[in-house]
Amino acid sequence: MESQMITRQEKHKLEEDLKALIARRPIISKAIAEAREKGDLKENADYHAARDEYALNESHIRNMEDRLRHVTVVDTSAVPEDMVFLGSTVKLQDLNTDDIETVRIVGQVGKMDIDSDVMEVSASSPLGEALMRARVGQTVNVNVPRGTLKYKILEMV
């Protein structure tokens, strides 16, 4: 697995998610033990569900530990204030439609918050790559399968 650049906040979130998964281990183990006490394991749906939950939780733990081993936390302290970089939130104008969008550049995309007005965009996505290191006032071209999109960076938010 290649190293992935993330912000300090993203790393902290991954670590918190890992702690929560590890904290679930004894709860799931207790559910397995309680289901096992009910008898015949072959037809015990509670037992099988708890074992499946345990396996899924362990898989998530291994995945999270692997991701944390392969991340690089980016120091953004030397990045100019008007330059888009990992962790930046910017207001963009779509020059094809005049729509205004607010976008945050992230190293890893988490769960999408549909109630948020801010769209998280991976730094490795076409839009993220076009925005990285661009400055307020610049226009960027984003090559996508359906053509080229043009955005003007209006401001850092």
Protein backbone atom coordinates (compact mmCIF):
# COMPACT_ATOMS: atom_id res chain seq x y z
CA MET A 1 0.00 0.00 0.00
CA GLU A 2 1.45 3.38 -0.95
CA SER A 3 1.62 6.25 1.51
CA GLN A 4 -1.39 8.54 1.58
CA MET A 5 -1.18 12.22 2.51
CA ILE A 6 -3.68 13.31 5.13
CA THR A 7 -4.19 16.24 7.47
CA ARG A 8 -3.54 16.06 11.20
CA GLN A 9 -7.32 16.22 11.77
CA GLU A 10 -7.92 13.28 9.41
CA LYS A 11 -5.30 11.21 11.24
CA HIS A 12 -6.90 12.03 14.57
CA LYS A 13 -10.31 10.95 13.20
CA LEU A 14 -8.85 7.64 11.96
CA GLU A 15 -7.29 7.03 15.38
CA GLU A 16 -10.60 7.77 17.13
CA ASP A 17 -12.46 5.43 14.76
CA LEU A 18 -9.89 2.69 15.50
CA LYS A 19 -10.33 3.15 19.26
CA ALA A 20 -14.10 2.82 18.86
CA LEU A 21 -13.71 -0.41 16.88
CA ILE A 22 -11.33 -1.87 19.47
CA ALA A 23 -13.75 -0.88 22.24
CA ARG A 24 -16.46 -2.97 20.51
CA ARG A 25 -14.40 -6.19 20.83
CA PRO A 26 -15.51 -7.10 24.39
CA ILE A 27 -19.13 -6.20 23.63
CA ILE A 28 -19.21 -8.50 20.60
CA SER A 29 -17.33 -11.25 22.48
CA LYS A 30 -19.93 -11.08 25.24
CA ALA A 31 -22.74 -11.38 22.65
CA ILE A 32 -21.02 -14.46 21.19
CA ALA A 33 -20.70 -16.05 24.64
CA GLU A 34 -24.35 -15.34 25.49
CA ALA A 35 -25.52 -16.77 22.18
CA ARG A 36 -23.31 -19.84 22.67
CA GLU A 37 -25.05 -20.52 26.01
CA LYS A 38 -28.38 -20.88 24.18
CA GLY A 39 -27.35 -24.30 22.90
CA ASP A 40 -27.24 -25.82 19.41
CA LEU A 41 -24.84 -23.62 17.47
CA LYS A 42 -25.84 -25.01 14.09
CA GLU A 43 -29.27 -23.35 14.20
CA ASN A 44 -28.44 -20.45 16.51
CA ALA A 45 -29.01 -17.26 14.47
CA ASP A 46 -27.84 -14.98 17.32
CA TYR A 47 -24.53 -16.86 17.51
CA HIS A 48 -23.93 -16.66 13.76
CA ALA A 49 -24.87 -12.96 13.64
CA ALA A 50 -22.50 -12.17 16.52
CA ARG A 51 -19.67 -14.14 14.87
CA ASP A 52 -20.27 -12.27 11.60
CA GLU A 53 -20.22 -8.95 13.44
CA TYR A 54 -16.96 -9.95 15.16
CA ALA A 55 -15.33 -10.87 11.83
CA LEU A 56 -16.47 -7.61 10.23
CA ASN A 57 -15.22 -5.56 13.19
CA GLU A 58 -11.82 -7.32 13.09
CA SER A 59 -11.59 -6.67 9.36
CA HIS A 60 -12.25 -2.96 9.93
CA ILE A 61 -9.60 -2.88 12.69
CA ARG A 62 -6.97 -4.46 10.44
CA ASN A 63 -7.87 -2.09 7.59
CA MET A 64 -7.67 0.96 9.87
CA GLU A 65 -4.34 -0.14 11.40
CA ASP A 66 -2.92 -0.70 7.91
CA ARG A 67 -4.09 2.72 6.74
CA LEU A 68 -2.54 4.40 9.79
CA ARG A 69 0.78 2.66 9.13
CA HIS A 70 0.84 4.08 5.60
CA VAL A 71 -0.18 7.70 6.07
CA THR A 72 1.91 10.82 5.94
CA VAL A 73 0.64 13.77 7.93
CA VAL A 74 1.14 16.91 5.89
CA ASP A 75 2.49 20.02 7.59
CA THR A 76 0.51 22.91 6.14
CA SER A 77 2.14 25.64 8.25
CA ALA A 78 4.40 26.81 5.38
CA VAL A 79 1.60 26.94 2.78
CA PRO A 80 0.64 30.51 1.78
CA GLU A 81 -2.81 31.55 2.98
CA ASP A 82 -4.15 32.07 -0.55
CA MET A 83 -2.92 28.70 -1.87
CA VAL A 84 -5.22 25.68 -2.01
CA PHE A 85 -3.67 22.69 -0.26
CA LEU A 86 -4.67 19.60 1.66
CA GLY A 87 -7.20 20.63 4.31
CA SER A 88 -8.20 23.85 2.51
CA THR A 89 -11.84 24.82 2.11
CA VAL A 90 -12.50 26.98 -0.92
CA LYS A 91 -15.43 28.65 -2.59
CA LEU A 92 -15.52 27.96 -6.35
CA GLN A 93 -17.54 29.34 -9.22
CA ASP A 94 -18.37 26.89 -11.98
CA LEU A 95 -17.69 29.01 -15.06
CA ASN A 96 -19.99 26.85 -17.21
CA THR A 97 -23.07 27.26 -14.99
CA ASP A 98 -22.14 30.16 -12.66
CA ASP A 99 -23.00 27.90 -9.69
CA ILE A 100 -21.05 28.54 -6.50
CA GLU A 101 -19.73 25.49 -4.63
CA THR A 102 -17.77 25.09 -1.41
CA VAL A 103 -15.17 22.33 -1.49
CA ARG A 104 -12.75 20.92 1.12
CA ILE A 105 -9.61 19.14 -0.10
CA VAL A 106 -9.05 15.97 1.94
CA GLY A 107 -6.47 13.20 1.84
CA GLN A 108 -9.02 10.52 2.42
CA VAL A 109 -12.74 10.80 1.91
CA GLY A 110 -14.74 9.84 4.95
CA LYS A 111 -18.46 9.51 5.32
CA MET A 112 -20.33 12.05 3.25
CA ASP A 113 -22.43 14.44 5.35
CA ILE A 114 -25.45 15.15 3.18
CA ASP A 115 -26.50 18.00 5.48
CA SER A 116 -23.20 19.81 4.95
CA ASP A 117 -22.83 22.61 2.42
CA VAL A 118 -19.19 21.61 1.97
CA MET A 119 -18.31 18.86 -0.51
CA GLU A 120 -15.23 16.82 0.45
CA VAL A 121 -12.96 16.16 -2.52
CA SER A 122 -9.97 13.84 -2.43
CA ALA A 123 -6.65 15.46 -3.33
CA SER A 124 -6.15 12.63 -5.84
CA SER A 125 -9.47 13.22 -7.65
CA PRO A 126 -9.48 15.24 -10.90
CA LEU A 127 -10.91 18.30 -9.11
CA GLY A 128 -8.55 17.88 -6.16
CA GLU A 129 -5.50 17.61 -8.42
CA ALA A 130 -6.56 20.69 -10.38
CA LEU A 131 -7.06 22.72 -7.21
CA MET A 132 -3.91 21.68 -5.33
CA ARG A 133 -1.42 24.56 -5.21
CA ALA A 134 -3.74 26.89 -7.15
CA ARG A 135 -4.39 30.31 -5.68
CA VAL A 136 -7.39 32.51 -4.99
CA GLY A 137 -8.42 34.27 -8.20
CA GLN A 138 -7.05 31.56 -10.49
CA THR A 139 -9.13 29.56 -12.93
CA VAL A 140 -8.52 25.80 -13.05
CA ASN A 141 -9.46 23.29 -15.72
CA VAL A 142 -10.69 19.89 -14.61
CA ASN A 143 -10.57 17.12 -17.18
CA VAL A 144 -13.44 14.68 -16.69
CA PRO A 145 -14.84 12.01 -19.02
CA ARG A 146 -17.58 14.31 -20.30
CA GLY A 147 -15.17 17.16 -21.10
CA THR A 148 -13.40 19.98 -19.31
CA LEU A 149 -14.91 21.84 -16.39
CA LYS A 150 -13.67 25.32 -15.49
CA TYR A 151 -13.73 26.71 -11.96
CA LYS A 152 -12.64 30.09 -10.61
CA ILE A 153 -11.32 30.04 -7.05
CA LEU A 154 -13.21 32.84 -5.34
CA GLU A 155 -11.95 32.62 -1.77
CA MET A 156 -10.56 30.50 1.01
CA VAL A 157 -13.23 29.75 3.59
